[in-house]
């Protein structure tokens, strides 16, 4: 399983639509086995393409703080589970997800 998180300096970037990078965590069972940084080009307003890139990379879950309805719908269309309301250090949030301790706050921008 692969989990994506919009990140800035290893913390969850508060706004998915404006973030410049994502950390992709590869998980086997309950263990994180790899971490990859995906950087968005500076001149890119390509969030719909990010959903496709996530699929190509095998991402099935996005942990995010805030996200617009359009971006949320695009990710869900591509069968990516989205959990909103996540804050803090990305690695720690992934650990909470793996323990089934995160609840989607159902808020959209």
PDB file of N, CA and C in Angstrom:
ATOM      1  N   UNK A   1       0.843  -1.171   0.000  1.00  0.00           N
ATOM      2  CA  UNK A   1       0.000   0.000   0.000  1.00  0.00           C
ATOM      3  C   UNK A   1       0.891   1.238   0.000  1.00  0.00           C
ATOM      4  N   UNK A   2       0.416   2.288  -0.699  1.00  0.00           N
ATOM      5  CA  UNK A   2       1.134   3.555  -0.683  1.00  0.00           C
ATOM      6  C   UNK A   2       0.188   4.656  -0.218  1.00  0.00           C
ATOM      7  N   UNK A   3       0.732   5.510   0.640  1.00  0.00           N
ATOM      8  CA  UNK A   3      -0.025   6.606   1.233  1.00  0.00           C
ATOM      9  C   UNK A   3       0.663   7.910   0.850  1.00  0.00           C
ATOM     10  N   UNK A   4      -0.107   8.865   0.307  1.00  0.00           N
ATOM     11  CA  UNK A   4       0.431  10.174  -0.062  1.00  0.00           C
ATOM     12  C   UNK A   4      -0.012  11.224   0.950  1.00  0.00           C
ATOM     13  N   UNK A   5       0.885  12.179   1.208  1.00  0.00           N
ATOM     14  CA  UNK A   5       0.585  13.295   2.102  1.00  0.00           C
ATOM     15  C   UNK A   5       1.208  14.557   1.510  1.00  0.00           C
ATOM     16  N   UNK A   6       0.428  15.654   1.375  1.00  0.00           N
ATOM     17  CA  UNK A   6       1.049  16.913   0.966  1.00  0.00           C
ATOM     18  C   UNK A   6       1.941  17.399   2.110  1.00  0.00           C
ATOM     19  N   UNK A   7       3.213  17.652   1.818  1.00  0.00           N
ATOM     20  CA  UNK A   7       4.148  17.979   2.890  1.00  0.00           C
ATOM     21  C   UNK A   7       4.965  19.227   2.605  1.00  0.00           C
ATOM     22  N   UNK A   8       5.391  19.821   3.706  1.00  0.00           N
ATOM     23  CA  UNK A   8       6.323  20.951   3.698  1.00  0.00           C
ATOM     24  C   UNK A   8       7.197  20.769   4.925  1.00  0.00           C
ATOM     25  N   UNK A   9       8.493  20.537   4.697  1.00  0.00           N
ATOM     26  CA  UNK A   9       9.436  20.323   5.804  1.00  0.00           C
ATOM     27  C   UNK A   9       8.994  19.186   6.732  1.00  0.00           C
ATOM     28  N   UNK A  10       8.576  18.077   6.148  1.00  0.00           N
ATOM     29  CA  UNK A  10       8.173  16.859   6.853  1.00  0.00           C
ATOM     30  C   UNK A  10       6.842  16.982   7.612  1.00  0.00           C
ATOM     31  N   UNK A  11       6.211  18.152   7.556  1.00  0.00           N
ATOM     32  CA  UNK A  11       4.898  18.352   8.178  1.00  0.00           C
ATOM     33  C   UNK A  11       3.829  18.339   7.103  1.00  0.00           C
ATOM     34  N   UNK A  12       2.588  18.072   7.501  1.00  0.00           N
ATOM     35  CA  UNK A  12       1.488  18.110   6.550  1.00  0.00           C
ATOM     36  C   UNK A  12       1.262  19.552   6.132  1.00  0.00           C
ATOM     37  N   UNK A  13       1.303  19.794   4.828  1.00  0.00           N
ATOM     38  CA  UNK A  13       1.009  21.114   4.276  1.00  0.00           C
ATOM     39  C   UNK A  13      -0.494  21.333   4.429  1.00  0.00           C
ATOM     40  N   UNK A  14      -0.867  22.472   4.982  1.00  0.00           N
ATOM     41  CA  UNK A  14      -2.266  22.715   5.355  1.00  0.00           C
ATOM     42  C   UNK A  14      -3.238  22.711   4.184  1.00  0.00           C
ATOM     43  N   UNK A  15      -2.797  23.068   2.991  1.00  0.00           N
ATOM     44  CA  UNK A  15      -3.728  23.189   1.867  1.00  0.00           C
ATOM     45  C   UNK A  15      -3.256  22.363   0.680  1.00  0.00           C
ATOM     46  N   UNK A  16      -3.949  21.282   0.409  1.00  0.00           N
ATOM     47  CA  UNK A  16      -3.612  20.376  -0.693  1.00  0.00           C
ATOM     48  C   UNK A  16      -3.472  21.122  -2.022  1.00  0.00           C
ATOM     49  N   UNK A  17      -4.363  22.072  -2.283  1.00  0.00           N
ATOM     50  CA  UNK A  17      -4.391  22.759  -3.576  1.00  0.00           C
ATOM     51  C   UNK A  17      -3.176  23.640  -3.808  1.00  0.00           C
ATOM     52  N   UNK A  18      -2.496  24.048  -2.758  1.00  0.00           N
ATOM     53  CA  UNK A  18      -1.352  24.947  -2.896  1.00  0.00           C
ATOM     54  C   UNK A  18      -0.013  24.285  -2.604  1.00  0.00           C
ATOM     55  N   UNK A  19      -0.019  23.027  -2.225  1.00  0.00           N
ATOM     56  CA  UNK A  19       1.235  22.384  -1.821  1.00  0.00           C
ATOM     57  C   UNK A  19       2.181  22.189  -3.003  1.00  0.00           C
ATOM     58  N   UNK A  20       3.460  22.127  -2.681  1.00  0.00           N
ATOM     59  CA  UNK A  20       4.506  21.986  -3.707  1.00  0.00           C
ATOM     60  C   UNK A  20       5.151  20.606  -3.715  1.00  0.00           C
ATOM     61  N   UNK A  21       4.838  19.785  -2.707  1.00  0.00           N
ATOM     62  CA  UNK A  21       5.418  18.442  -2.686  1.00  0.00           C
ATOM     63  C   UNK A  21       4.540  17.491  -1.881  1.00  0.00           C
ATOM     64  N   UNK A  22       4.713  16.221  -2.178  1.00  0.00           N
ATOM     65  CA  UNK A  22       4.004  15.140  -1.493  1.00  0.00           C
ATOM     66  C   UNK A  22       5.032  14.117  -1.045  1.00  0.00           C
ATOM     67  N   UNK A  23       4.821  13.577   0.132  1.00  0.00           N
ATOM     68  CA  UNK A  23       5.633  12.455   0.573  1.00  0.00           C
ATOM     69  C   UNK A  23       4.781  11.209   0.377  1.00  0.00           C
ATOM     70  N   UNK A  24       5.377  10.224  -0.295  1.00  0.00           N
ATOM     71  CA  UNK A  24       4.703   8.953  -0.562  1.00  0.00           C
ATOM     72  C   UNK A  24       5.336   7.900   0.346  1.00  0.00           C
ATOM     73  N   UNK A  25       4.516   7.328   1.224  1.00  0.00           N
ATOM     74  CA  UNK A  25       4.980   6.290   2.142  1.00  0.00           C
ATOM     75  C   UNK A  25       4.546   4.932   1.604  1.00  0.00           C
ATOM     76  N   UNK A  26       5.509   4.040   1.464  1.00  0.00           N
ATOM     77  CA  UNK A  26       5.210   2.655   1.083  1.00  0.00           C
ATOM     78  C   UNK A  26       5.089   1.835   2.354  1.00  0.00           C
ATOM     79  N   UNK A  27       4.004   1.063   2.434  1.00  0.00           N
ATOM     80  CA  UNK A  27       3.696   0.312   3.647  1.00  0.00           C
ATOM     81  C   UNK A  27       3.503  -1.153   3.304  1.00  0.00           C
ATOM     82  N   UNK A  28       4.082  -2.007   4.132  1.00  0.00           N
ATOM     83  CA  UNK A  28       3.854  -3.452   4.029  1.00  0.00           C
ATOM     84  C   UNK A  28       3.342  -3.915   5.382  1.00  0.00           C
ATOM     85  N   UNK A  29       2.120  -4.409   5.394  1.00  0.00           N
ATOM     86  CA  UNK A  29       1.491  -4.762   6.670  1.00  0.00           C
ATOM     87  C   UNK A  29       1.266  -3.492   7.464  1.00  0.00           C
ATOM     88  N   UNK A  30       1.870  -3.415   8.624  1.00  0.00           N
ATOM     89  CA  UNK A  30       1.782  -2.217   9.472  1.00  0.00           C
ATOM     90  C   UNK A  30       3.110  -1.475   9.539  1.00  0.00           C
ATOM     91  N   UNK A  31       4.025  -1.796   8.612  1.00  0.00           N
ATOM     92  CA  UNK A  31       5.371  -1.234   8.660  1.00  0.00           C
ATOM     93  C   UNK A  31       5.629  -0.325   7.465  1.00  0.00           C
ATOM     94  N   UNK A  32       6.182   0.868   7.731  1.00  0.00           N
ATOM     95  CA  UNK A  32       6.597   1.791   6.673  1.00  0.00           C
ATOM     96  C   UNK A  32       7.953   1.311   6.172  1.00  0.00           C
ATOM     97  N   UNK A  33       8.040   1.014   4.869  1.00  0.00           N
ATOM     98  CA  UNK A  33       9.270   0.447   4.321  1.00  0.00           C
ATOM     99  C   UNK A  33      10.014   1.416   3.404  1.00  0.00           C
ATOM    100  N   UNK A  34       9.346   2.495   2.979  1.00  0.00           N
ATOM    101  CA  UNK A  34      10.018   3.450   2.095  1.00  0.00           C
ATOM    102  C   UNK A  34       9.281   4.789   2.144  1.00  0.00           C
ATOM    103  N   UNK A  35      10.017   5.827   1.788  1.00  0.00           N
ATOM    104  CA  UNK A  35       9.472   7.184   1.771  1.00  0.00           C
ATOM    105  C   UNK A  35      10.066   7.892   0.544  1.00  0.00           C
ATOM    106  N   UNK A  36       9.206   8.436  -0.313  1.00  0.00           N
ATOM    107  CA  UNK A  36       9.642   9.096  -1.542  1.00  0.00           C
ATOM    108  C   UNK A  36       9.028  10.488  -1.605  1.00  0.00           C
ATOM    109  N   UNK A  37       9.795  11.468  -2.072  1.00  0.00           N
ATOM    110  CA  UNK A  37       9.276  12.825  -2.228  1.00  0.00           C
ATOM    111  C   UNK A  37       8.903  13.063  -3.683  1.00  0.00           C
ATOM    112  N   UNK A  38       7.670  13.503  -3.915  1.00  0.00           N
ATOM    113  CA  UNK A  38       7.178  13.863  -5.242  1.00  0.00           C
ATOM    114  C   UNK A  38       7.016  15.374  -5.253  1.00  0.00           C
ATOM    115  N   UNK A  39       7.793  16.064  -6.083  1.00  0.00           N
ATOM    116  CA  UNK A  39       7.759  17.521  -6.146  1.00  0.00           C
ATOM    117  C   UNK A  39       6.929  17.978  -7.338  1.00  0.00           C
ATOM    118  N   UNK A  40       6.098  18.986  -7.111  1.00  0.00           N
ATOM    119  CA  UNK A  40       5.266  19.563  -8.159  1.00  0.00           C
ATOM    120  C   UNK A  40       6.060  20.676  -8.829  1.00  0.00           C
ATOM    121  N   UNK A  41       6.140  20.704 -10.173  1.00  0.00           N
ATOM    122  CA  UNK A  41       6.858  21.779 -10.844  1.00  0.00           C
ATOM    123  C   UNK A  41       6.292  23.149 -10.471  1.00  0.00           C
ATOM    124  N   UNK A  42       7.163  24.154 -10.324  1.00  0.00           N
ATOM    125  CA  UNK A  42       6.766  25.498  -9.907  1.00  0.00           C
ATOM    126  C   UNK A  42       5.650  26.091 -10.761  1.00  0.00           C
ATOM    127  N   UNK A  43       5.700  25.889 -12.063  1.00  0.00           N
ATOM    128  CA  UNK A  43       4.737  26.518 -12.966  1.00  0.00           C
ATOM    129  C   UNK A  43       3.505  25.639 -13.217  1.00  0.00           C
ATOM    130  N   UNK A  44       3.295  24.669 -12.352  1.00  0.00           N
ATOM    131  CA  UNK A  44       2.237  23.693 -12.601  1.00  0.00           C
ATOM    132  C   UNK A  44       0.995  23.978 -11.767  1.00  0.00           C
ATOM    133  N   UNK A  45      -0.111  24.074 -12.441  1.00  0.00           N
ATOM    134  CA  UNK A  45      -1.401  24.105 -11.740  1.00  0.00           C
ATOM    135  C   UNK A  45      -2.124  22.824 -12.144  1.00  0.00           C
ATOM    136  N   UNK A  46      -1.508  21.698 -11.782  1.00  0.00           N
ATOM    137  CA  UNK A  46      -1.896  20.399 -12.360  1.00  0.00           C
ATOM    138  C   UNK A  46      -2.445  19.429 -11.334  1.00  0.00           C
ATOM    139  N   UNK A  47      -3.213  19.879 -10.370  1.00  0.00           N
ATOM    140  CA  UNK A  47      -3.719  18.950  -9.354  1.00  0.00           C
ATOM    141  C   UNK A  47      -4.505  17.785  -9.945  1.00  0.00           C
ATOM    142  N   UNK A  48      -5.316  17.983 -11.010  1.00  0.00           N
ATOM    143  CA  UNK A  48      -5.976  16.798 -11.586  1.00  0.00           C
ATOM    144  C   UNK A  48      -4.972  15.756 -12.087  1.00  0.00           C
ATOM    145  N   UNK A  49      -3.837  16.201 -12.590  1.00  0.00           N
ATOM    146  CA  UNK A  49      -2.815  15.265 -13.067  1.00  0.00           C
ATOM    147  C   UNK A  49      -2.131  14.540 -11.913  1.00  0.00           C
ATOM    148  N   UNK A  50      -2.128  15.157 -10.743  1.00  0.00           N
ATOM    149  CA  UNK A  50      -1.516  14.515  -9.585  1.00  0.00           C
ATOM    150  C   UNK A  50      -2.263  13.234  -9.228  1.00  0.00           C
ATOM    151  N   UNK A  51      -3.583  13.241  -9.345  1.00  0.00           N
ATOM    152  CA  UNK A  51      -4.364  12.035  -9.066  1.00  0.00           C
ATOM    153  C   UNK A  51      -3.929  10.895  -9.981  1.00  0.00           C
ATOM    154  N   UNK A  52      -3.706  11.208 -11.245  1.00  0.00           N
ATOM    155  CA  UNK A  52      -3.240  10.190 -12.202  1.00  0.00           C
ATOM    156  C   UNK A  52      -1.834   9.726 -11.821  1.00  0.00           C
ATOM    157  N   UNK A  53      -0.973  10.667 -11.441  1.00  0.00           N
ATOM    158  CA  UNK A  53       0.391  10.322 -11.018  1.00  0.00           C
ATOM    159  C   UNK A  53       0.348   9.419  -9.783  1.00  0.00           C
ATOM    160  N   UNK A  54      -0.539   9.737  -8.848  1.00  0.00           N
ATOM    161  CA  UNK A  54      -0.690   8.881  -7.668  1.00  0.00           C
ATOM    162  C   UNK A  54      -1.044   7.456  -8.084  1.00  0.00           C
ATOM    163  N   UNK A  55      -1.989   7.318  -9.006  1.00  0.00           N
ATOM    164  CA  UNK A  55      -2.380   5.987  -9.476  1.00  0.00           C
ATOM    165  C   UNK A  55      -1.203   5.258 -10.102  1.00  0.00           C
ATOM    166  N   UNK A  56      -0.433   5.973 -10.933  1.00  0.00           N
ATOM    167  CA  UNK A  56       0.752   5.367 -11.571  1.00  0.00           C
ATOM    168  C   UNK A  56       1.745   4.881 -10.525  1.00  0.00           C
ATOM    169  N   UNK A  57       1.838   5.594  -9.407  1.00  0.00           N
ATOM    170  CA  UNK A  57       2.775   5.238  -8.338  1.00  0.00           C
ATOM    171  C   UNK A  57       2.207   4.184  -7.389  1.00  0.00           C
ATOM    172  N   UNK A  58       0.915   3.863  -7.541  1.00  0.00           N
ATOM    173  CA  UNK A  58       0.298   2.866  -6.675  1.00  0.00           C
ATOM    174  C   UNK A  58      -0.294   3.429  -5.396  1.00  0.00           C
ATOM    175  N   UNK A  59      -0.491   4.746  -5.318  1.00  0.00           N
ATOM    176  CA  UNK A  59      -1.071   5.367  -4.129  1.00  0.00           C
ATOM    177  C   UNK A  59      -2.559   5.032  -4.048  1.00  0.00           C
ATOM    178  N   UNK A  60      -2.995   4.624  -2.868  1.00  0.00           N
ATOM    179  CA  UNK A  60      -4.416   4.313  -2.679  1.00  0.00           C
ATOM    180  C   UNK A  60      -5.060   5.165  -1.585  1.00  0.00           C
ATOM    181  N   UNK A  61      -4.235   5.924  -0.827  1.00  0.00           N
ATOM    182  CA  UNK A  61      -4.743   6.735   0.274  1.00  0.00           C
ATOM    183  C   UNK A  61      -4.054   8.093   0.255  1.00  0.00           C
ATOM    184  N   UNK A  62      -4.833   9.156   0.487  1.00  0.00           N
ATOM    185  CA  UNK A  62      -4.288  10.503   0.677  1.00  0.00           C
ATOM    186  C   UNK A  62      -4.717  10.985   2.050  1.00  0.00           C
ATOM    187  N   UNK A  63      -3.733  11.366   2.865  1.00  0.00           N
ATOM    188  CA  UNK A  63      -4.004  11.960   4.165  1.00  0.00           C
ATOM    189  C   UNK A  63      -3.736  13.449   4.016  1.00  0.00           C
ATOM    190  N   UNK A  64      -4.738  14.285   4.324  1.00  0.00           N
ATOM    191  CA  UNK A  64      -4.662  15.702   4.009  1.00  0.00           C
ATOM    192  C   UNK A  64      -5.335  16.516   5.112  1.00  0.00           C
ATOM    193  N   UNK A  65      -4.943  17.776   5.233  1.00  0.00           N
ATOM    194  CA  UNK A  65      -5.627  18.671   6.159  1.00  0.00           C
ATOM    195  C   UNK A  65      -6.850  19.250   5.473  1.00  0.00           C
ATOM    196  N   UNK A  66      -6.625  20.189   4.548  1.00  0.00           N
ATOM    197  CA  UNK A  66      -7.736  20.838   3.843  1.00  0.00           C
ATOM    198  C   UNK A  66      -7.652  20.539   2.351  1.00  0.00           C
ATOM    199  N   UNK A  67      -8.831  20.397   1.720  1.00  0.00           N
ATOM    200  CA  UNK A  67      -8.889  20.083   0.294  1.00  0.00           C
ATOM    201  C   UNK A  67     -10.193  20.643  -0.272  1.00  0.00           C
ATOM    202  N   UNK A  68     -10.131  21.114  -1.508  1.00  0.00           N
ATOM    203  CA  UNK A  68     -11.338  21.638  -2.149  1.00  0.00           C
ATOM    204  C   UNK A  68     -12.260  20.491  -2.570  1.00  0.00           C
ATOM    205  N   UNK A  69     -13.508  20.823  -2.791  1.00  0.00           N
ATOM    206  CA  UNK A  69     -14.466  19.807  -3.225  1.00  0.00           C
ATOM    207  C   UNK A  69     -14.071  19.213  -4.572  1.00  0.00           C
ATOM    208  N   UNK A  70     -13.595  20.058  -5.498  1.00  0.00           N
ATOM    209  CA  UNK A  70     -13.185  19.575  -6.818  1.00  0.00           C
ATOM    210  C   UNK A  70     -12.017  18.605  -6.741  1.00  0.00           C
ATOM    211  N   UNK A  71     -11.000  18.952  -5.944  1.00  0.00           N
ATOM    212  CA  UNK A  71      -9.852  18.054  -5.784  1.00  0.00           C
ATOM    213  C   UNK A  71     -10.268  16.760  -5.081  1.00  0.00           C
ATOM    214  N   UNK A  72     -11.107  16.879  -4.073  1.00  0.00           N
ATOM    215  CA  UNK A  72     -11.611  15.704  -3.362  1.00  0.00           C
ATOM    216  C   UNK A  72     -12.337  14.767  -4.325  1.00  0.00           C
ATOM    217  N   UNK A  73     -13.235  15.343  -5.127  1.00  0.00           N
ATOM    218  CA  UNK A  73     -14.002  14.536  -6.087  1.00  0.00           C
ATOM    219  C   UNK A  73     -13.095  13.874  -7.116  1.00  0.00           C
ATOM    220  N   UNK A  74     -12.066  14.594  -7.579  1.00  0.00           N
ATOM    221  CA  UNK A  74     -11.129  14.044  -8.573  1.00  0.00           C
ATOM    222  C   UNK A  74     -10.396  12.831  -7.994  1.00  0.00           C
ATOM    223  N   UNK A  75      -9.928  12.952  -6.775  1.00  0.00           N
ATOM    224  CA  UNK A  75      -9.217  11.834  -6.146  1.00  0.00           C
ATOM    225  C   UNK A  75     -10.146  10.645  -5.921  1.00  0.00           C
ATOM    226  N   UNK A  76     -11.340  10.909  -5.442  1.00  0.00           N
ATOM    227  CA  UNK A  76     -12.303   9.833  -5.219  1.00  0.00           C
ATOM    228  C   UNK A  76     -12.688   9.165  -6.546  1.00  0.00           C
ATOM    229  N   UNK A  77     -12.792   9.947  -7.617  1.00  0.00           N
ATOM    230  CA  UNK A  77     -13.076   9.404  -8.950  1.00  0.00           C
ATOM    231  C   UNK A  77     -12.003   8.385  -9.337  1.00  0.00           C
ATOM    232  N   UNK A  78     -10.764   8.671  -8.935  1.00  0.00           N
ATOM    233  CA  UNK A  78      -9.647   7.774  -9.232  1.00  0.00           C
ATOM    234  C   UNK A  78      -9.464   6.717  -8.130  1.00  0.00           C
ATOM    235  N   UNK A  79     -10.482   6.512  -7.329  1.00  0.00           N
ATOM    236  CA  UNK A  79     -10.540   5.495  -6.266  1.00  0.00           C
ATOM    237  C   UNK A  79      -9.459   5.658  -5.186  1.00  0.00           C
ATOM    238  N   UNK A  80      -9.054   6.893  -4.948  1.00  0.00           N
ATOM    239  CA  UNK A  80      -8.099   7.169  -3.877  1.00  0.00           C
ATOM    240  C   UNK A  80      -8.888   7.583  -2.641  1.00  0.00           C
ATOM    241  N   UNK A  81      -8.699   6.847  -1.557  1.00  0.00           N
ATOM    242  CA  UNK A  81      -9.342   7.185  -0.286  1.00  0.00           C
ATOM    243  C   UNK A  81      -8.731   8.483   0.236  1.00  0.00           C
ATOM    244  N   UNK A  82      -9.564   9.418   0.682  1.00  0.00           N
ATOM    245  CA  UNK A  82      -9.094  10.703   1.199  1.00  0.00           C
ATOM    246  C   UNK A  82      -9.568  10.850   2.640  1.00  0.00           C
ATOM    247  N   UNK A  83      -8.621  11.108   3.526  1.00  0.00           N
ATOM    248  CA  UNK A  83      -8.950  11.377   4.918  1.00  0.00           C
ATOM    249  C   UNK A  83      -8.517  12.809   5.209  1.00  0.00           C
ATOM    250  N   UNK A  84      -9.508  13.645   5.543  1.00  0.00           N
ATOM    251  CA  UNK A  84      -9.284  15.073   5.776  1.00  0.00           C
ATOM    252  C   UNK A  84      -9.149  15.374   7.264  1.00  0.00           C
ATOM    253  N   UNK A  85      -8.530  16.523   7.548  1.00  0.00           N
ATOM    254  CA  UNK A  85      -8.376  16.963   8.925  1.00  0.00           C
ATOM    255  C   UNK A  85      -7.093  16.478   9.586  1.00  0.00           C
ATOM    256  N   UNK A  86      -6.141  15.987   8.781  1.00  0.00           N
ATOM    257  CA  UNK A  86      -4.871  15.485   9.320  1.00  0.00           C
ATOM    258  C   UNK A  86      -3.893  16.646   9.511  1.00  0.00           C
ATOM    259  N   UNK A  87      -3.236  16.687  10.650  1.00  0.00           N
ATOM    260  CA  UNK A  87      -2.289  17.757  10.966  1.00  0.00           C
ATOM    261  C   UNK A  87      -1.069  17.167  11.660  1.00  0.00           C
ATOM    262  N   UNK A  88       0.068  17.860  11.520  1.00  0.00           N
ATOM    263  CA  UNK A  88       1.258  17.473  12.264  1.00  0.00           C
ATOM    264  C   UNK A  88       2.352  16.899  11.384  1.00  0.00           C
ATOM    265  N   UNK A  89       3.201  16.119  12.000  1.00  0.00           N
ATOM    266  CA  UNK A  89       4.334  15.499  11.321  1.00  0.00           C
ATOM    267  C   UNK A  89       3.810  14.339  10.477  1.00  0.00           C
ATOM    268  N   UNK A  90       4.139  14.366   9.196  1.00  0.00           N
ATOM    269  CA  UNK A  90       3.597  13.384   8.245  1.00  0.00           C
ATOM    270  C   UNK A  90       3.827  11.946   8.705  1.00  0.00           C
ATOM    271  N   UNK A  91       5.020  11.611   9.102  1.00  0.00           N
ATOM    272  CA  UNK A  91       5.336  10.243   9.522  1.00  0.00           C
ATOM    273  C   UNK A  91       4.449   9.805  10.688  1.00  0.00           C
ATOM    274  N   UNK A  92       4.233  10.682  11.641  1.00  0.00           N
ATOM    275  CA  UNK A  92       3.400  10.344  12.802  1.00  0.00           C
ATOM    276  C   UNK A  92       1.938  10.142  12.404  1.00  0.00           C
ATOM    277  N   UNK A  93       1.472  10.934  11.439  1.00  0.00           N
ATOM    278  CA  UNK A  93       0.091  10.790  10.965  1.00  0.00           C
ATOM    279  C   UNK A  93      -0.091   9.448  10.244  1.00  0.00           C
ATOM    280  N   UNK A  94       0.901   9.040   9.473  1.00  0.00           N
ATOM    281  CA  UNK A  94       0.831   7.730   8.814  1.00  0.00           C
ATOM    282  C   UNK A  94       0.753   6.622   9.863  1.00  0.00           C
ATOM    283  N   UNK A  95       1.539   6.745  10.909  1.00  0.00           N
ATOM    284  CA  UNK A  95       1.500   5.740  11.977  1.00  0.00           C
ATOM    285  C   UNK A  95       0.110   5.671  12.606  1.00  0.00           C
ATOM    286  N   UNK A  96      -0.528   6.823  12.803  1.00  0.00           N
ATOM    287  CA  UNK A  96      -1.893   6.840  13.341  1.00  0.00           C
ATOM    288  C   UNK A  96      -2.863   6.170  12.374  1.00  0.00           C
ATOM    289  N   UNK A  97      -2.687   6.424  11.071  1.00  0.00           N
ATOM    290  CA  UNK A  97      -3.538   5.783  10.064  1.00  0.00           C
ATOM    291  C   UNK A  97      -3.401   4.267  10.133  1.00  0.00           C
ATOM    292  N   UNK A  98      -2.168   3.802  10.251  1.00  0.00           N
ATOM    293  CA  UNK A  98      -1.929   2.361  10.289  1.00  0.00           C
ATOM    294  C   UNK A  98      -2.523   1.712  11.536  1.00  0.00           C
ATOM    295  N   UNK A  99      -2.691   2.483  12.599  1.00  0.00           N
ATOM    296  CA  UNK A  99      -3.330   1.987  13.823  1.00  0.00           C
ATOM    297  C   UNK A  99      -4.844   2.178  13.770  1.00  0.00           C
ATOM    298  N   UNK A 100      -5.353   2.684  12.642  1.00  0.00           N
ATOM    299  CA  UNK A 100      -6.778   2.956  12.459  1.00  0.00           C
ATOM    300  C   UNK A 100      -7.293   3.981  13.476  1.00  0.00           C
ATOM    301  N   UNK A 101      -6.467   5.028  13.714  1.00  0.00           N
ATOM    302  CA  UNK A 101      -6.814   6.050  14.694  1.00  0.00           C
ATOM    303  C   UNK A 101      -7.137   7.400  14.056  1.00  0.00           C
ATOM    304  N   UNK A 102      -7.312   7.440  12.746  1.00  0.00           N
ATOM    305  CA  UNK A 102      -7.683   8.691  12.076  1.00  0.00           C
ATOM    306  C   UNK A 102      -9.144   8.630  11.656  1.00  0.00           C
ATOM    307  N   UNK A 103      -9.824   9.759  11.794  1.00  0.00           N
ATOM    308  CA  UNK A 103     -11.207   9.870  11.359  1.00  0.00           C
ATOM    309  C   UNK A 103     -11.310  11.052  10.400  1.00  0.00           C
ATOM    310  N   UNK A 104     -11.904  10.847   9.251  1.00  0.00           N
ATOM    311  CA  UNK A 104     -12.118  11.911   8.273  1.00  0.00           C
ATOM    312  C   UNK A 104     -13.061  12.953   8.872  1.00  0.00           C
ATOM    313  N   UNK A 105     -12.631  14.233   8.861  1.00  0.00           N
ATOM    314  CA  UNK A 105     -13.489  15.276   9.446  1.00  0.00           C
ATOM    315  C   UNK A 105     -14.573  15.772   8.481  1.00  0.00           C
ATOM    316  N   UNK A 106     -14.566  15.280   7.239  1.00  0.00           N
ATOM    317  CA  UNK A 106     -15.601  15.565   6.242  1.00  0.00           C
ATOM    318  C   UNK A 106     -15.700  17.041   5.858  1.00  0.00           C
ATOM    319  N   UNK A 107     -14.672  17.839   6.143  1.00  0.00           N
ATOM    320  CA  UNK A 107     -14.689  19.266   5.785  1.00  0.00           C
ATOM    321  C   UNK A 107     -14.017  19.491   4.437  1.00  0.00           C
ATOM    322  N   UNK A 108     -14.612  20.388   3.667  1.00  0.00           N
ATOM    323  CA  UNK A 108     -14.045  20.797   2.386  1.00  0.00           C
ATOM    324  C   UNK A 108     -13.803  22.293   2.412  1.00  0.00           C
ATOM    325  N   UNK A 109     -12.863  22.754   1.592  1.00  0.00           N
ATOM    326  CA  UNK A 109     -12.620  24.204   1.469  1.00  0.00           C
ATOM    327  C   UNK A 109     -13.767  24.872   0.777  1.00  0.00           C
TER     328      UNK A 109
END
